[in-house]
Amino acid sequence: MTETTECADLGPPDSRLWDRIAQGDHAAFTELFERHAEAVWNYAYRLTASWSQAEDLLSATFLTAWRKRGEARLVRDSALPWLYTVTANRARTEWRASRRAVRLVSRLAPQHERDHADEVAARTDAQRRLAVVVTAIATLPPSEREIAQLCLLGDVSTADAATLLGIAESSVRARVSRTRARLRDLTPEDTL
């Protein structure tokens, strides 16, 4: 089977669909949605471990795609990396918002006396776990150590890390994944 026949079976490439979408073509947008919705939902589920949050992220991602249809740039004629980036950014934003809400509720709730010993124990335990992780990171190869320091310890986004390191964001994501797996192998279960 030739490459042209394969493309014809799959429909037009994402870049052609994206050009039509930029002109406001709803049918092209529907085709793009049908092509990538499952992959985006799966990615959102892996980020959140929640079916309902994955559904919400899927909707928010494609709403953003429609709103930014004239601005977004595709990677290698595929909309999927861009859609994944939007999904991850939305997931991070929602996670931060939920953390702020939890902190706000905890401040509004009546405060009970805290046991200083519990706070010291928790802080000591957190420091011990961090020391184990930092020691494990020091044993990693330089490229994985750099990714761990930027993205895992420094909370730098993969996009910013890619810019800082001068590599593709997908490479950063792959290194982060590989680094997390290696750190799981190098540290006790209760550490991460």
C-alpha atoms as a PDB file:
ATOM      1  CA  MET A   1       0.000   0.000   0.000  1.00  0.00           C
ATOM      2  CA  THR A   2       1.448   3.387  -0.890  1.00  0.00           C
ATOM      3  CA  GLU A   3       1.746   6.311   1.459  1.00  0.00           C
ATOM      4  CA  THR A   4      -0.880   8.306  -0.476  1.00  0.00           C
ATOM      5  CA  THR A   5      -3.366   5.463  -0.162  1.00  0.00           C
ATOM      6  CA  GLU A   6      -2.754   5.270   3.591  1.00  0.00           C
ATOM      7  CA  CYS A   7      -3.338   9.016   3.972  1.00  0.00           C
ATOM      8  CA  ALA A   8      -6.508   8.752   1.926  1.00  0.00           C
ATOM      9  CA  ASP A   9      -7.750   6.004   4.261  1.00  0.00           C
ATOM     10  CA  LEU A  10      -7.029   8.178   7.307  1.00  0.00           C
ATOM     11  CA  GLY A  11      -8.422  11.354   5.820  1.00  0.00           C
ATOM     12  CA  PRO A  12      -6.543  14.601   5.366  1.00  0.00           C
ATOM     13  CA  PRO A  13      -3.522  15.229   7.592  1.00  0.00           C
ATOM     14  CA  ASP A  14      -4.054  17.279  10.744  1.00  0.00           C
ATOM     15  CA  SER A  15      -2.298  20.275   9.199  1.00  0.00           C
ATOM     16  CA  ARG A  16      -4.845  20.436   6.376  1.00  0.00           C
ATOM     17  CA  LEU A  17      -7.704  20.026   8.844  1.00  0.00           C
ATOM     18  CA  TRP A  18      -6.168  22.720  11.036  1.00  0.00           C
ATOM     19  CA  ASP A  19      -6.039  25.145   8.093  1.00  0.00           C
ATOM     20  CA  ARG A  20      -9.726  24.509   7.456  1.00  0.00           C
ATOM     21  CA  ILE A  21     -10.516  24.847  11.165  1.00  0.00           C
ATOM     22  CA  ALA A  22      -8.715  28.208  11.233  1.00  0.00           C
ATOM     23  CA  GLN A  23     -11.242  29.341   8.615  1.00  0.00           C
ATOM     24  CA  GLY A  24     -14.101  28.247  10.922  1.00  0.00           C
ATOM     25  CA  ASP A  25     -14.872  24.871   9.304  1.00  0.00           C
ATOM     26  CA  HIS A  26     -16.924  22.950  11.906  1.00  0.00           C
ATOM     27  CA  ALA A  27     -16.821  19.690   9.924  1.00  0.00           C
ATOM     28  CA  ALA A  28     -13.001  19.739   9.933  1.00  0.00           C
ATOM     29  CA  PHE A  29     -13.042  20.379  13.687  1.00  0.00           C
ATOM     30  CA  THR A  30     -15.411  17.453  14.199  1.00  0.00           C
ATOM     31  CA  GLU A  31     -13.072  15.226  12.186  1.00  0.00           C
ATOM     32  CA  LEU A  32     -10.074  16.362  14.239  1.00  0.00           C
ATOM     33  CA  PHE A  33     -12.026  15.736  17.455  1.00  0.00           C
ATOM     34  CA  GLU A  34     -13.047  12.246  16.364  1.00  0.00           C
ATOM     35  CA  ARG A  35      -9.455  11.483  15.363  1.00  0.00           C
ATOM     36  CA  HIS A  36      -7.830  12.535  18.655  1.00  0.00           C
ATOM     37  CA  ALA A  37     -10.502  12.573  21.394  1.00  0.00           C
ATOM     38  CA  GLU A  38      -9.710   9.089  22.665  1.00  0.00           C
ATOM     39  CA  ALA A  39      -5.963   9.759  22.876  1.00  0.00           C
ATOM     40  CA  VAL A  40      -6.545  13.093  24.647  1.00  0.00           C
ATOM     41  CA  TRP A  41      -9.015  11.498  27.101  1.00  0.00           C
ATOM     42  CA  ASN A  42      -6.533   8.694  27.852  1.00  0.00           C
ATOM     43  CA  TYR A  43      -3.777  11.250  28.446  1.00  0.00           C
ATOM     44  CA  ALA A  44      -6.067  13.305  30.706  1.00  0.00           C
ATOM     45  CA  TYR A  45      -6.995  10.175  32.637  1.00  0.00           C
ATOM     46  CA  ARG A  46      -3.314   9.323  33.142  1.00  0.00           C
ATOM     47  CA  LEU A  47      -2.757  12.848  34.449  1.00  0.00           C
ATOM     48  CA  THR A  48      -5.713  12.839  36.862  1.00  0.00           C
ATOM     49  CA  ALA A  49      -6.680   9.194  37.517  1.00  0.00           C
ATOM     50  CA  SER A  50     -10.287  10.398  37.372  1.00  0.00           C
ATOM     51  CA  TRP A  51     -12.805   9.608  34.652  1.00  0.00           C
ATOM     52  CA  SER A  52     -14.851  12.726  35.298  1.00  0.00           C
ATOM     53  CA  GLN A  53     -11.812  15.007  35.387  1.00  0.00           C
ATOM     54  CA  ALA A  54     -10.572  13.395  32.162  1.00  0.00           C
ATOM     55  CA  GLU A  55     -13.945  14.167  30.549  1.00  0.00           C
ATOM     56  CA  ASP A  56     -13.754  17.775  31.756  1.00  0.00           C
ATOM     57  CA  LEU A  57     -10.181  18.124  30.484  1.00  0.00           C
ATOM     58  CA  LEU A  58     -11.133  16.626  27.120  1.00  0.00           C
ATOM     59  CA  SER A  59     -13.899  19.212  26.745  1.00  0.00           C
ATOM     60  CA  ALA A  60     -11.712  22.079  27.927  1.00  0.00           C
ATOM     61  CA  THR A  61      -8.871  21.036  25.605  1.00  0.00           C
ATOM     62  CA  PHE A  62     -11.020  20.997  22.502  1.00  0.00           C
ATOM     63  CA  LEU A  63     -12.758  24.225  23.528  1.00  0.00           C
ATOM     64  CA  THR A  64      -9.298  25.798  23.761  1.00  0.00           C
ATOM     65  CA  ALA A  65      -8.412  24.255  20.389  1.00  0.00           C
ATOM     66  CA  TRP A  66     -11.449  25.917  18.811  1.00  0.00           C
ATOM     67  CA  ARG A  67     -10.711  29.259  20.463  1.00  0.00           C
ATOM     68  CA  LYS A  68      -7.020  29.180  19.456  1.00  0.00           C
ATOM     69  CA  ARG A  69      -7.612  27.710  15.999  1.00  0.00           C
ATOM     70  CA  GLY A  70      -5.799  30.532  14.209  1.00  0.00           C
ATOM     71  CA  GLU A  71      -2.898  30.749  16.661  1.00  0.00           C
ATOM     72  CA  ALA A  72      -1.733  27.194  17.413  1.00  0.00           C
ATOM     73  CA  ARG A  73       1.234  25.692  15.622  1.00  0.00           C
ATOM     74  CA  LEU A  74       1.266  21.973  14.933  1.00  0.00           C
ATOM     75  CA  VAL A  75       4.286  19.749  15.461  1.00  0.00           C
ATOM     76  CA  ARG A  76       5.217  17.574  12.468  1.00  0.00           C
ATOM     77  CA  ASP A  77       1.742  18.093  10.962  1.00  0.00           C
ATOM     78  CA  SER A  78       0.066  16.531  14.003  1.00  0.00           C
ATOM     79  CA  ALA A  79      -2.299  18.325  16.364  1.00  0.00           C
ATOM     80  CA  LEU A  80      -1.813  15.697  19.079  1.00  0.00           C
ATOM     81  CA  PRO A  81       1.338  17.175  20.750  1.00  0.00           C
ATOM     82  CA  TRP A  82      -0.351  20.568  20.925  1.00  0.00           C
ATOM     83  CA  LEU A  83      -3.540  19.006  22.303  1.00  0.00           C
ATOM     84  CA  TYR A  84      -1.491  17.112  24.910  1.00  0.00           C
ATOM     85  CA  THR A  85       0.241  20.326  25.959  1.00  0.00           C
ATOM     86  CA  VAL A  86      -3.100  22.103  26.348  1.00  0.00           C
ATOM     87  CA  THR A  87      -4.438  19.142  28.348  1.00  0.00           C
ATOM     88  CA  ALA A  88      -1.420  19.094  30.669  1.00  0.00           C
ATOM     89  CA  ASN A  89      -1.572  22.858  31.180  1.00  0.00           C
ATOM     90  CA  ARG A  90      -5.307  22.696  31.967  1.00  0.00           C
ATOM     91  CA  ALA A  91      -4.723  19.798  34.378  1.00  0.00           C
ATOM     92  CA  ARG A  92      -1.991  21.756  36.182  1.00  0.00           C
ATOM     93  CA  THR A  93      -4.201  24.843  36.370  1.00  0.00           C
ATOM     94  CA  GLU A  94      -7.115  22.854  37.770  1.00  0.00           C
ATOM     95  CA  TRP A  95      -4.846  21.076  40.253  1.00  0.00           C
ATOM     96  CA  ARG A  96      -3.465  24.412  41.497  1.00  0.00           C
ATOM     97  CA  ALA A  97      -6.993  25.838  41.767  1.00  0.00           C
ATOM     98  CA  SER A  98      -8.156  22.835  43.786  1.00  0.00           C
ATOM     99  CA  ARG A  99      -5.131  23.141  46.084  1.00  0.00           C
ATOM    100  CA  ARG A 100      -5.930  26.832  46.631  1.00  0.00           C
ATOM    101  CA  ALA A 101      -9.536  25.925  47.435  1.00  0.00           C
ATOM    102  CA  VAL A 102      -8.433  23.288  49.946  1.00  0.00           C
ATOM    103  CA  ARG A 103      -6.078  25.784  51.604  1.00  0.00           C
ATOM    104  CA  LEU A 104      -8.824  28.409  51.719  1.00  0.00           C
ATOM    105  CA  VAL A 105     -11.286  25.984  53.280  1.00  0.00           C
ATOM    106  CA  SER A 106      -8.700  24.898  55.833  1.00  0.00           C
ATOM    107  CA  ARG A 107      -8.102  28.556  56.768  1.00  0.00           C
ATOM    108  CA  LEU A 108     -11.819  29.197  57.093  1.00  0.00           C
ATOM    109  CA  ALA A 109     -12.419  26.104  59.212  1.00  0.00           C
ATOM    110  CA  PRO A 110     -11.986  26.497  62.960  1.00  0.00           C
ATOM    111  CA  GLN A 111      -8.393  25.875  63.874  1.00  0.00           C
ATOM    112  CA  HIS A 112      -7.669  23.263  66.491  1.00  0.00           C
ATOM    113  CA  GLU A 113      -4.574  23.395  68.573  1.00  0.00           C
ATOM    114  CA  ARG A 114      -1.760  21.787  66.726  1.00  0.00           C
ATOM    115  CA  ASP A 115       0.570  19.394  68.396  1.00  0.00           C
ATOM    116  CA  HIS A 116       4.078  20.706  67.976  1.00  0.00           C
ATOM    117  CA  ALA A 117       5.482  17.164  68.134  1.00  0.00           C
ATOM    118  CA  ASP A 118       3.336  16.108  65.138  1.00  0.00           C
ATOM    119  CA  GLU A 119       4.586  19.084  63.135  1.00  0.00           C
ATOM    120  CA  VAL A 120       8.215  18.319  63.971  1.00  0.00           C
ATOM    121  CA  ALA A 121       7.735  14.638  63.106  1.00  0.00           C
ATOM    122  CA  ALA A 122       6.063  15.499  59.801  1.00  0.00           C
ATOM    123  CA  ARG A 123       8.795  17.996  58.923  1.00  0.00           C
ATOM    124  CA  THR A 124      11.520  15.515  59.856  1.00  0.00           C
ATOM    125  CA  ASP A 125       9.868  12.780  57.813  1.00  0.00           C
ATOM    126  CA  ALA A 126       9.521  15.109  54.801  1.00  0.00           C
ATOM    127  CA  GLN A 127      13.189  16.103  55.091  1.00  0.00           C
ATOM    128  CA  ARG A 128      14.215  12.440  55.304  1.00  0.00           C
ATOM    129  CA  ARG A 129      12.196  11.569  52.168  1.00  0.00           C
ATOM    130  CA  LEU A 130      13.615  14.576  50.309  1.00  0.00           C
ATOM    131  CA  ALA A 131      17.163  13.582  51.282  1.00  0.00           C
ATOM    132  CA  VAL A 132      16.584  10.067  49.921  1.00  0.00           C
ATOM    133  CA  VAL A 133      15.230  11.484  46.655  1.00  0.00           C
ATOM    134  CA  VAL A 134      18.074  14.020  46.305  1.00  0.00           C
ATOM    135  CA  THR A 135      20.621  11.246  46.916  1.00  0.00           C
ATOM    136  CA  ALA A 136      18.930   9.072  44.269  1.00  0.00           C
ATOM    137  CA  ILE A 137      18.888  11.986  41.807  1.00  0.00           C
ATOM    138  CA  ALA A 138      22.630  12.462  42.313  1.00  0.00           C
ATOM    139  CA  THR A 139      23.218   8.909  41.017  1.00  0.00           C
ATOM    140  CA  LEU A 140      21.326   9.496  37.758  1.00  0.00           C
ATOM    141  CA  PRO A 141      23.045  10.118  34.418  1.00  0.00           C
ATOM    142  CA  PRO A 142      23.588  13.860  33.795  1.00  0.00           C
ATOM    143  CA  SER A 143      20.670  14.334  31.351  1.00  0.00           C
ATOM    144  CA  GLU A 144      18.178  12.637  33.707  1.00  0.00           C
ATOM    145  CA  ARG A 145      19.623  14.432  36.739  1.00  0.00           C
ATOM    146  CA  GLU A 146      19.134  17.780  34.983  1.00  0.00           C
ATOM    147  CA  ILE A 147      15.520  16.924  34.105  1.00  0.00           C
ATOM    148  CA  ALA A 148      14.831  15.766  37.685  1.00  0.00           C
ATOM    149  CA  GLN A 149      16.257  18.967  39.110  1.00  0.00           C
ATOM    150  CA  LEU A 150      14.306  21.191  36.712  1.00  0.00           C
ATOM    151  CA  CYS A 151      10.957  19.435  36.365  1.00  0.00           C
ATOM    152  CA  LEU A 152      10.598  17.255  39.456  1.00  0.00           C
ATOM    153  CA  LEU A 153      12.346  19.281  42.153  1.00  0.00           C
ATOM    154  CA  GLY A 154      12.097  22.728  40.562  1.00  0.00           C
ATOM    155  CA  ASP A 155       8.536  22.354  39.217  1.00  0.00           C
ATOM    156  CA  VAL A 156       9.622  23.863  35.875  1.00  0.00           C
ATOM    157  CA  SER A 157       7.147  23.055  33.094  1.00  0.00           C
ATOM    158  CA  THR A 158       8.243  20.721  30.318  1.00  0.00           C
ATOM    159  CA  ALA A 159       7.842  23.575  27.822  1.00  0.00           C
ATOM    160  CA  ASP A 160      10.144  25.832  29.851  1.00  0.00           C
ATOM    161  CA  ALA A 161      12.609  22.998  30.393  1.00  0.00           C
ATOM    162  CA  ALA A 162      12.642  22.323  26.644  1.00  0.00           C
ATOM    163  CA  THR A 163      13.438  25.981  25.988  1.00  0.00           C
ATOM    164  CA  LEU A 164      16.135  26.047  28.671  1.00  0.00           C
ATOM    165  CA  LEU A 165      17.782  22.857  27.399  1.00  0.00           C
ATOM    166  CA  GLY A 166      17.304  23.600  23.706  1.00  0.00           C
ATOM    167  CA  ILE A 167      15.507  20.315  23.022  1.00  0.00           C
ATOM    168  CA  ALA A 168      11.992  19.328  21.967  1.00  0.00           C
ATOM    169  CA  GLU A 169       9.318  19.340  24.644  1.00  0.00           C
ATOM    170  CA  SER A 170       8.445  15.754  23.765  1.00  0.00           C
ATOM    171  CA  SER A 171      12.052  14.807  24.586  1.00  0.00           C
ATOM    172  CA  VAL A 172      11.711  16.520  27.944  1.00  0.00           C
ATOM    173  CA  ARG A 173       8.472  14.637  28.651  1.00  0.00           C
ATOM    174  CA  ALA A 174      10.143  11.348  27.718  1.00  0.00           C
ATOM    175  CA  ARG A 175      13.109  12.103  29.981  1.00  0.00           C
ATOM    176  CA  VAL A 176      10.778  13.053  32.845  1.00  0.00           C
ATOM    177  CA  SER A 177       8.923   9.780  32.462  1.00  0.00           C
ATOM    178  CA  ARG A 178      12.144   7.762  32.281  1.00  0.00           C
ATOM    179  CA  THR A 179      13.574   9.665  35.259  1.00  0.00           C
ATOM    180  CA  ARG A 180      10.481   9.066  37.392  1.00  0.00           C
ATOM    181  CA  ALA A 181      10.621   5.356  36.606  1.00  0.00           C
ATOM    182  CA  ARG A 182      14.285   5.185  37.520  1.00  0.00           C
ATOM    183  CA  LEU A 183      13.685   7.111  40.763  1.00  0.00           C
ATOM    184  CA  ARG A 184      10.911   4.685  41.714  1.00  0.00           C
ATOM    185  CA  ASP A 185      13.431   1.867  41.313  1.00  0.00           C
ATOM    186  CA  LEU A 186      16.099   3.730  43.330  1.00  0.00           C
ATOM    187  CA  THR A 187      13.959   4.801  46.297  1.00  0.00           C
ATOM    188  CA  PRO A 188      11.828   2.966  48.861  1.00  0.00           C
ATOM    189  CA  GLU A 189       8.092   2.857  48.125  1.00  0.00           C
ATOM    190  CA  ASP A 190       7.086   5.337  50.833  1.00  0.00           C
ATOM    191  CA  THR A 191       9.548   7.994  49.625  1.00  0.00           C
ATOM    192  CA  LEU A 192       7.900   9.367  46.461  1.00  0.00           C
END
